[in-house]
Amino acid sequence: GVLVHSGIWYSIVFHFTDSMLACLTNTAPWYGPLAEQGDADAQINLAWLSENNGIAEVDPDPSCVAKWYSLAAEQGHPEAQLRLGAIYDSGRWGRAEDTTQAVHWWHKAALQGHRGAQMRLADMLMRGRGAERNEAEALKWIRKAAEQSDLEAIHLMAVAHAEGRGVAKDLGAALKWCERGAELGHVELQFRWGVHLFAAEGVQRDVRRSAAVLRQAAEAGHVGAQLNL
């Protein structure tokens, strides 16, 4: 992925087709045969296009979205597992709501390191949806996502250590995550890190660094940071 520390991230996506006819008719004939042959990437792309009405010849049957995601997920495709879990969680595309199945597929994707799945699995475990409530297990997955620079996971780890939620209260660990999140542009953590640097709470006082990080948060619209400058 791409980490944007400041400014605005723009992306340009190019779609290539195999013929002028495909461009004129807005079709993607190469996905169907490959998906039928068992290609997981083709299956997930066909499911995505069906879900978003991206091509003209896509099967209008809503159940085909879940069908293609399911086939790719069963082959171990982590993104397909994430999306299939979301279908079960919301009860869409011809599948009944089944939070146990959602947890099942998110767990499979989480085991492969998919940080989005790790965060969704953690949320289910934290709330006891689709599985028995297990705060310690939830924090394990949040940590794994945080280690992959997921900003919300980093924020949750900082709060957990600062307040002793599911882990031992540990200001040093909280500040480590706070600093990491601030470096990656999490506005609330920039504010908290700036306050700690100014007040010398758990870290050596550094007024210059405090002002710099508080200014970043203030420029992003954080009222607390604006008031502390």
C-alpha atoms as a PDB file:
ATOM      1  CA  GLY A   1       0.000   0.000   0.000  1.00  0.00           C
ATOM      2  CA  VAL A   2       0.867   3.676  -0.035  1.00  0.00           C
ATOM      3  CA  LEU A   3       1.246   5.706   3.155  1.00  0.00           C
ATOM      4  CA  VAL A   4       0.512   9.415   2.800  1.00  0.00           C
ATOM      5  CA  HIS A   5       2.032  11.438   5.632  1.00  0.00           C
ATOM      6  CA  SER A   6       0.726  14.792   4.440  1.00  0.00           C
ATOM      7  CA  GLY A   7      -1.154  16.353   1.563  1.00  0.00           C
ATOM      8  CA  ILE A   8      -3.675  14.526  -0.622  1.00  0.00           C
ATOM      9  CA  TRP A   9      -3.252  11.110  -2.227  1.00  0.00           C
ATOM     10  CA  TYR A  10      -4.566  10.845  -5.774  1.00  0.00           C
ATOM     11  CA  SER A  11      -4.603   7.627  -7.758  1.00  0.00           C
ATOM     12  CA  ILE A  12      -5.151   6.974 -11.439  1.00  0.00           C
ATOM     13  CA  VAL A  13      -6.479   3.584 -12.470  1.00  0.00           C
ATOM     14  CA  PHE A  14      -6.043   2.354 -16.031  1.00  0.00           C
ATOM     15  CA  HIS A  15      -8.256  -0.442 -17.380  1.00  0.00           C
ATOM     16  CA  PHE A  16      -6.999  -2.349 -20.415  1.00  0.00           C
ATOM     17  CA  THR A  17      -9.177  -4.400 -22.736  1.00  0.00           C
ATOM     18  CA  ASP A  18      -8.369  -7.043 -25.296  1.00  0.00           C
ATOM     19  CA  SER A  19     -10.105  -5.424 -28.268  1.00  0.00           C
ATOM     20  CA  MET A  20     -11.801  -2.330 -29.648  1.00  0.00           C
ATOM     21  CA  LEU A  21     -15.118  -4.216 -29.494  1.00  0.00           C
ATOM     22  CA  ALA A  22     -14.755  -4.648 -25.731  1.00  0.00           C
ATOM     23  CA  CYS A  23     -14.236  -0.890 -25.386  1.00  0.00           C
ATOM     24  CA  LEU A  24     -17.263  -0.057 -27.523  1.00  0.00           C
ATOM     25  CA  THR A  25     -19.586  -2.554 -25.801  1.00  0.00           C
ATOM     26  CA  ASN A  26     -18.230  -2.055 -22.250  1.00  0.00           C
ATOM     27  CA  THR A  27     -17.604  -5.768 -21.804  1.00  0.00           C
ATOM     28  CA  ALA A  28     -14.817  -7.848 -20.284  1.00  0.00           C
ATOM     29  CA  PRO A  29     -15.065 -11.223 -22.008  1.00  0.00           C
ATOM     30  CA  TRP A  30     -11.730 -12.443 -20.657  1.00  0.00           C
ATOM     31  CA  TYR A  31     -12.967 -12.762 -17.044  1.00  0.00           C
ATOM     32  CA  GLY A  32     -15.807 -15.214 -17.679  1.00  0.00           C
ATOM     33  CA  PRO A  33     -13.826 -18.094 -19.228  1.00  0.00           C
ATOM     34  CA  LEU A  34     -10.965 -17.724 -16.732  1.00  0.00           C
ATOM     35  CA  ALA A  35     -13.387 -17.611 -13.804  1.00  0.00           C
ATOM     36  CA  GLU A  36     -15.131 -20.739 -15.072  1.00  0.00           C
ATOM     37  CA  GLN A  37     -11.720 -22.428 -15.323  1.00  0.00           C
ATOM     38  CA  GLY A  38     -11.101 -21.691 -11.638  1.00  0.00           C
ATOM     39  CA  ASP A  39      -8.843 -18.631 -11.772  1.00  0.00           C
ATOM     40  CA  ALA A  40      -9.320 -16.942  -8.364  1.00  0.00           C
ATOM     41  CA  ASP A  41      -8.250 -13.492  -9.559  1.00  0.00           C
ATOM     42  CA  ALA A  42     -10.729 -13.641 -12.436  1.00  0.00           C
ATOM     43  CA  GLN A  43     -13.445 -14.826 -10.066  1.00  0.00           C
ATOM     44  CA  ILE A  44     -12.965 -11.958  -7.633  1.00  0.00           C
ATOM     45  CA  ASN A  45     -12.760  -9.411 -10.448  1.00  0.00           C
ATOM     46  CA  LEU A  46     -15.930 -10.772 -12.022  1.00  0.00           C
ATOM     47  CA  ALA A  47     -17.655 -10.610  -8.624  1.00  0.00           C
ATOM     48  CA  TRP A  48     -16.489  -7.022  -8.110  1.00  0.00           C
ATOM     49  CA  LEU A  49     -17.688  -5.957 -11.559  1.00  0.00           C
ATOM     50  CA  SER A  50     -21.017  -7.672 -10.954  1.00  0.00           C
ATOM     51  CA  GLU A  51     -21.318  -5.943  -7.589  1.00  0.00           C
ATOM     52  CA  ASN A  52     -20.564  -2.533  -9.048  1.00  0.00           C
ATOM     53  CA  ASN A  53     -22.220  -2.938 -12.460  1.00  0.00           C
ATOM     54  CA  GLY A  54     -18.853  -2.314 -14.053  1.00  0.00           C
ATOM     55  CA  ILE A  55     -19.415  -4.220 -17.312  1.00  0.00           C
ATOM     56  CA  ALA A  56     -22.375  -4.736 -19.552  1.00  0.00           C
ATOM     57  CA  GLU A  57     -22.517  -8.519 -19.895  1.00  0.00           C
ATOM     58  CA  VAL A  58     -22.369  -9.301 -16.165  1.00  0.00           C
ATOM     59  CA  ASP A  59     -24.957 -11.770 -14.898  1.00  0.00           C
ATOM     60  CA  PRO A  60     -27.836  -9.715 -13.433  1.00  0.00           C
ATOM     61  CA  ASP A  61     -28.587 -12.454 -10.877  1.00  0.00           C
ATOM     62  CA  PRO A  62     -27.568 -10.971  -7.481  1.00  0.00           C
ATOM     63  CA  SER A  63     -26.432 -14.368  -6.217  1.00  0.00           C
ATOM     64  CA  CYS A  64     -23.608 -14.460  -8.782  1.00  0.00           C
ATOM     65  CA  VAL A  65     -21.673 -11.891  -6.713  1.00  0.00           C
ATOM     66  CA  ALA A  66     -21.582 -14.188  -3.689  1.00  0.00           C
ATOM     67  CA  LYS A  67     -20.966 -17.203  -5.938  1.00  0.00           C
ATOM     68  CA  TRP A  68     -17.770 -15.810  -7.461  1.00  0.00           C
ATOM     69  CA  TYR A  69     -16.472 -14.418  -4.169  1.00  0.00           C
ATOM     70  CA  SER A  70     -17.173 -17.784  -2.564  1.00  0.00           C
ATOM     71  CA  LEU A  71     -15.319 -19.741  -5.230  1.00  0.00           C
ATOM     72  CA  ALA A  72     -12.275 -17.464  -4.938  1.00  0.00           C
ATOM     73  CA  ALA A  73     -12.452 -17.506  -1.125  1.00  0.00           C
ATOM     74  CA  GLU A  74     -12.479 -21.295  -1.062  1.00  0.00           C
ATOM     75  CA  GLN A  75      -9.222 -21.207  -3.022  1.00  0.00           C
ATOM     76  CA  GLY A  76      -7.668 -19.080  -0.277  1.00  0.00           C
ATOM     77  CA  HIS A  77      -7.896 -15.625  -1.899  1.00  0.00           C
ATOM     78  CA  PRO A  78      -7.740 -13.274   1.134  1.00  0.00           C
ATOM     79  CA  GLU A  79      -9.536 -10.333  -0.505  1.00  0.00           C
ATOM     80  CA  ALA A  80     -12.344 -12.638  -1.601  1.00  0.00           C
ATOM     81  CA  GLN A  81     -12.535 -14.011   1.936  1.00  0.00           C
ATOM     82  CA  LEU A  82     -12.825 -10.465   3.285  1.00  0.00           C
ATOM     83  CA  ARG A  83     -15.637  -9.591   0.863  1.00  0.00           C
ATOM     84  CA  LEU A  84     -17.487 -12.863   1.369  1.00  0.00           C
ATOM     85  CA  GLY A  85     -17.380 -12.242   5.118  1.00  0.00           C
ATOM     86  CA  ALA A  86     -18.893  -8.799   4.532  1.00  0.00           C
ATOM     87  CA  ILE A  87     -21.704 -10.356   2.486  1.00  0.00           C
ATOM     88  CA  TYR A  88     -22.543 -12.748   5.317  1.00  0.00           C
ATOM     89  CA  ASP A  89     -22.281  -9.967   7.897  1.00  0.00           C
ATOM     90  CA  SER A  90     -24.840  -7.819   6.082  1.00  0.00           C
ATOM     91  CA  GLY A  91     -26.976 -10.542   4.494  1.00  0.00           C
ATOM     92  CA  ARG A  92     -26.692  -9.401   0.890  1.00  0.00           C
ATOM     93  CA  TRP A  93     -26.403 -10.812  -2.632  1.00  0.00           C
ATOM     94  CA  GLY A  94     -28.672 -13.775  -1.974  1.00  0.00           C
ATOM     95  CA  ARG A  95     -26.965 -14.904   1.227  1.00  0.00           C
ATOM     96  CA  ALA A  96     -28.773 -14.801   4.578  1.00  0.00           C
ATOM     97  CA  GLU A  97     -27.123 -12.841   7.368  1.00  0.00           C
ATOM     98  CA  ASP A  98     -24.791 -15.208   9.206  1.00  0.00           C
ATOM     99  CA  THR A  99     -22.277 -13.599  11.547  1.00  0.00           C
ATOM    100  CA  THR A 100     -20.662 -16.961  12.320  1.00  0.00           C
ATOM    101  CA  GLN A 101     -19.800 -17.341   8.640  1.00  0.00           C
ATOM    102  CA  ALA A 102     -18.566 -13.756   8.554  1.00  0.00           C
ATOM    103  CA  VAL A 103     -16.171 -14.512  11.415  1.00  0.00           C
ATOM    104  CA  HIS A 104     -15.133 -17.753   9.720  1.00  0.00           C
ATOM    105  CA  TRP A 105     -14.066 -16.040   6.490  1.00  0.00           C
ATOM    106  CA  TRP A 106     -12.518 -13.009   8.165  1.00  0.00           C
ATOM    107  CA  HIS A 107     -10.467 -15.324  10.354  1.00  0.00           C
ATOM    108  CA  LYS A 108      -9.147 -17.125   7.284  1.00  0.00           C
ATOM    109  CA  ALA A 109      -8.157 -13.821   5.648  1.00  0.00           C
ATOM    110  CA  ALA A 110      -6.705 -12.512   8.922  1.00  0.00           C
ATOM    111  CA  LEU A 111      -4.466 -15.569   9.188  1.00  0.00           C
ATOM    112  CA  GLN A 112      -3.032 -14.606   5.790  1.00  0.00           C
ATOM    113  CA  GLY A 113      -2.178 -11.137   7.068  1.00  0.00           C
ATOM    114  CA  HIS A 114      -5.071  -9.167   5.568  1.00  0.00           C
ATOM    115  CA  ARG A 115      -5.226  -6.180   7.910  1.00  0.00           C
ATOM    116  CA  GLY A 116      -8.766  -5.234   6.917  1.00  0.00           C
ATOM    117  CA  ALA A 117      -9.941  -8.709   7.865  1.00  0.00           C
ATOM    118  CA  GLN A 118      -7.913  -8.541  11.064  1.00  0.00           C
ATOM    119  CA  MET A 119      -9.733  -5.368  12.086  1.00  0.00           C
ATOM    120  CA  ARG A 120     -13.170  -6.738  11.195  1.00  0.00           C
ATOM    121  CA  LEU A 121     -12.456  -9.950  13.073  1.00  0.00           C
ATOM    122  CA  ALA A 122     -11.286  -7.961  16.085  1.00  0.00           C
ATOM    123  CA  ASP A 123     -14.487  -5.910  16.034  1.00  0.00           C
ATOM    124  CA  MET A 124     -16.604  -9.070  16.030  1.00  0.00           C
ATOM    125  CA  LEU A 125     -14.612 -10.567  18.895  1.00  0.00           C
ATOM    126  CA  MET A 126     -14.776  -7.341  20.866  1.00  0.00           C
ATOM    127  CA  ARG A 127     -18.564  -7.201  20.521  1.00  0.00           C
ATOM    128  CA  GLY A 128     -19.270 -10.923  20.710  1.00  0.00           C
ATOM    129  CA  ARG A 129     -20.870 -11.102  17.246  1.00  0.00           C
ATOM    130  CA  GLY A 130     -20.532 -14.412  15.456  1.00  0.00           C
ATOM    131  CA  ALA A 131     -18.175 -15.656  18.157  1.00  0.00           C
ATOM    132  CA  GLU A 132     -17.810 -15.566  21.913  1.00  0.00           C
ATOM    133  CA  ARG A 133     -16.650 -12.184  23.168  1.00  0.00           C
ATOM    134  CA  ASN A 134     -12.876 -12.282  23.655  1.00  0.00           C
ATOM    135  CA  GLU A 135     -11.192  -8.931  24.243  1.00  0.00           C
ATOM    136  CA  ALA A 136      -7.691 -10.393  24.538  1.00  0.00           C
ATOM    137  CA  GLU A 137      -8.045 -12.222  21.202  1.00  0.00           C
ATOM    138  CA  ALA A 138      -9.469  -9.080  19.600  1.00  0.00           C
ATOM    139  CA  LEU A 139      -6.458  -7.070  20.751  1.00  0.00           C
ATOM    140  CA  LYS A 140      -4.148  -9.713  19.317  1.00  0.00           C
ATOM    141  CA  TRP A 141      -5.606  -9.091  15.856  1.00  0.00           C
ATOM    142  CA  ILE A 142      -5.645  -5.335  16.355  1.00  0.00           C
ATOM    143  CA  ARG A 143      -1.943  -5.496  17.183  1.00  0.00           C
ATOM    144  CA  LYS A 144      -1.246  -7.475  14.015  1.00  0.00           C
ATOM    145  CA  ALA A 145      -3.052  -4.829  11.953  1.00  0.00           C
ATOM    146  CA  ALA A 146      -1.222  -2.061  13.816  1.00  0.00           C
ATOM    147  CA  GLU A 147       2.092  -3.705  12.981  1.00  0.00           C
ATOM    148  CA  GLN A 148       1.086  -3.294   9.329  1.00  0.00           C
ATOM    149  CA  SER A 149       0.551   0.441   9.900  1.00  0.00           C
ATOM    150  CA  ASP A 150      -3.241   0.381  10.028  1.00  0.00           C
ATOM    151  CA  LEU A 151      -3.968   3.798  11.565  1.00  0.00           C
ATOM    152  CA  GLU A 152      -7.173   2.855  13.384  1.00  0.00           C
ATOM    153  CA  ALA A 153      -5.452  -0.206  14.843  1.00  0.00           C
ATOM    154  CA  ILE A 154      -2.536   1.923  16.029  1.00  0.00           C
ATOM    155  CA  HIS A 155      -4.984   4.323  17.682  1.00  0.00           C
ATOM    156  CA  LEU A 156      -6.768   1.451  19.425  1.00  0.00           C
ATOM    157  CA  MET A 157      -3.468   0.009  20.668  1.00  0.00           C
ATOM    158  CA  ALA A 158      -2.443   3.390  22.078  1.00  0.00           C
ATOM    159  CA  VAL A 159      -5.766   3.745  23.897  1.00  0.00           C
ATOM    160  CA  ALA A 160      -5.707   0.142  25.154  1.00  0.00           C
ATOM    161  CA  HIS A 161      -2.276   0.548  26.753  1.00  0.00           C
ATOM    162  CA  ALA A 162      -3.022   4.021  28.079  1.00  0.00           C
ATOM    163  CA  GLU A 163      -6.245   2.933  29.770  1.00  0.00           C
ATOM    164  CA  GLY A 164      -5.513  -0.729  30.478  1.00  0.00           C
ATOM    165  CA  ARG A 165      -8.250  -2.075  28.210  1.00  0.00           C
ATOM    166  CA  GLY A 166      -7.623  -5.781  27.710  1.00  0.00           C
ATOM    167  CA  VAL A 167      -3.917  -5.327  28.435  1.00  0.00           C
ATOM    168  CA  ALA A 168      -1.851  -4.136  31.367  1.00  0.00           C
ATOM    169  CA  LYS A 169      -1.749  -0.370  31.661  1.00  0.00           C
ATOM    170  CA  ASP A 170       1.577   0.660  30.168  1.00  0.00           C
ATOM    171  CA  LEU A 171       2.316   4.306  29.422  1.00  0.00           C
ATOM    172  CA  GLY A 172       5.542   3.438  27.594  1.00  0.00           C
ATOM    173  CA  ALA A 173       3.750   1.105  25.184  1.00  0.00           C
ATOM    174  CA  ALA A 174       0.936   3.612  24.744  1.00  0.00           C
ATOM    175  CA  LEU A 175       3.421   6.330  23.834  1.00  0.00           C
ATOM    176  CA  LYS A 176       5.208   4.059  21.384  1.00  0.00           C
ATOM    177  CA  TRP A 177       1.961   3.555  19.473  1.00  0.00           C
ATOM    178  CA  CYS A 178       1.048   7.204  19.907  1.00  0.00           C
ATOM    179  CA  GLU A 179       4.308   8.324  18.324  1.00  0.00           C
ATOM    180  CA  ARG A 180       3.951   5.815  15.504  1.00  0.00           C
ATOM    181  CA  GLY A 181       0.430   6.963  14.719  1.00  0.00           C
ATOM    182  CA  ALA A 182       1.489  10.611  14.840  1.00  0.00           C
ATOM    183  CA  GLU A 183       4.283   9.923  12.363  1.00  0.00           C
ATOM    184  CA  LEU A 184       1.797   8.299   9.992  1.00  0.00           C
ATOM    185  CA  GLY A 185      -0.612  11.222  10.171  1.00  0.00           C
ATOM    186  CA  HIS A 186      -3.306  10.149  12.639  1.00  0.00           C
ATOM    187  CA  VAL A 187      -4.637  13.531  13.769  1.00  0.00           C
ATOM    188  CA  GLU A 188      -5.824  12.535  17.250  1.00  0.00           C
ATOM    189  CA  LEU A 189      -2.523  10.785  17.977  1.00  0.00           C
ATOM    190  CA  GLN A 190      -0.599  13.808  16.713  1.00  0.00           C
ATOM    191  CA  PHE A 191      -2.482  15.864  19.284  1.00  0.00           C
ATOM    192  CA  ARG A 192      -1.836  13.374  22.088  1.00  0.00           C
ATOM    193  CA  TRP A 193       1.821  12.965  21.180  1.00  0.00           C
ATOM    194  CA  GLY A 194       2.304  16.738  21.051  1.00  0.00           C
ATOM    195  CA  VAL A 195       0.740  17.133  24.506  1.00  0.00           C
ATOM    196  CA  HIS A 196       2.971  14.420  25.976  1.00  0.00           C
ATOM    197  CA  LEU A 197       6.073  16.014  24.483  1.00  0.00           C
ATOM    198  CA  PHE A 198       5.164  19.392  25.926  1.00  0.00           C
ATOM    199  CA  ALA A 199       4.152  18.124  29.374  1.00  0.00           C
ATOM    200  CA  ALA A 200       7.035  15.611  29.612  1.00  0.00           C
ATOM    201  CA  GLU A 201       4.592  12.821  30.471  1.00  0.00           C
ATOM    202  CA  GLY A 202       6.492   9.584  29.948  1.00  0.00           C
ATOM    203  CA  VAL A 203       8.942  11.208  27.533  1.00  0.00           C
ATOM    204  CA  GLN A 204      11.622  13.848  27.682  1.00  0.00           C
ATOM    205  CA  ARG A 205      10.224  17.333  27.170  1.00  0.00           C
ATOM    206  CA  ASP A 206      10.708  18.683  23.665  1.00  0.00           C
ATOM    207  CA  VAL A 207       8.863  21.928  23.054  1.00  0.00           C
ATOM    208  CA  ARG A 208      10.018  22.236  19.450  1.00  0.00           C
ATOM    209  CA  ARG A 209       8.823  18.764  18.459  1.00  0.00           C
ATOM    210  CA  SER A 210       5.619  19.315  20.420  1.00  0.00           C
ATOM    211  CA  ALA A 211       4.854  22.512  18.505  1.00  0.00           C
ATOM    212  CA  ALA A 212       5.609  20.851  15.167  1.00  0.00           C
ATOM    213  CA  VAL A 213       3.315  17.888  15.719  1.00  0.00           C
ATOM    214  CA  LEU A 214       0.556  19.998  17.261  1.00  0.00           C
ATOM    215  CA  ARG A 215       0.732  22.277  14.226  1.00  0.00           C
ATOM    216  CA  GLN A 216       0.198  19.287  11.951  1.00  0.00           C
ATOM    217  CA  ALA A 217      -2.897  18.291  13.914  1.00  0.00           C
ATOM    218  CA  ALA A 218      -4.129  21.889  14.020  1.00  0.00           C
ATOM    219  CA  GLU A 219      -3.770  22.275  10.264  1.00  0.00           C
ATOM    220  CA  ALA A 220      -5.843  19.107   9.882  1.00  0.00           C
ATOM    221  CA  GLY A 221      -8.608  20.759  11.891  1.00  0.00           C
ATOM    222  CA  HIS A 222      -8.065  19.336  15.382  1.00  0.00           C
ATOM    223  CA  VAL A 223      -9.611  21.919  17.748  1.00  0.00           C
ATOM    224  CA  GLY A 224      -7.621  20.766  20.777  1.00  0.00           C
ATOM    225  CA  ALA A 225      -4.361  21.205  18.898  1.00  0.00           C
ATOM    226  CA  GLN A 226      -5.437  24.619  17.654  1.00  0.00           C
ATOM    227  CA  LEU A 227      -6.168  25.726  21.231  1.00  0.00           C
ATOM    228  CA  ASN A 228      -2.816  24.418  22.495  1.00  0.00           C
ATOM    229  CA  LEU A 229      -0.647  26.251  19.991  1.00  0.00           C
END
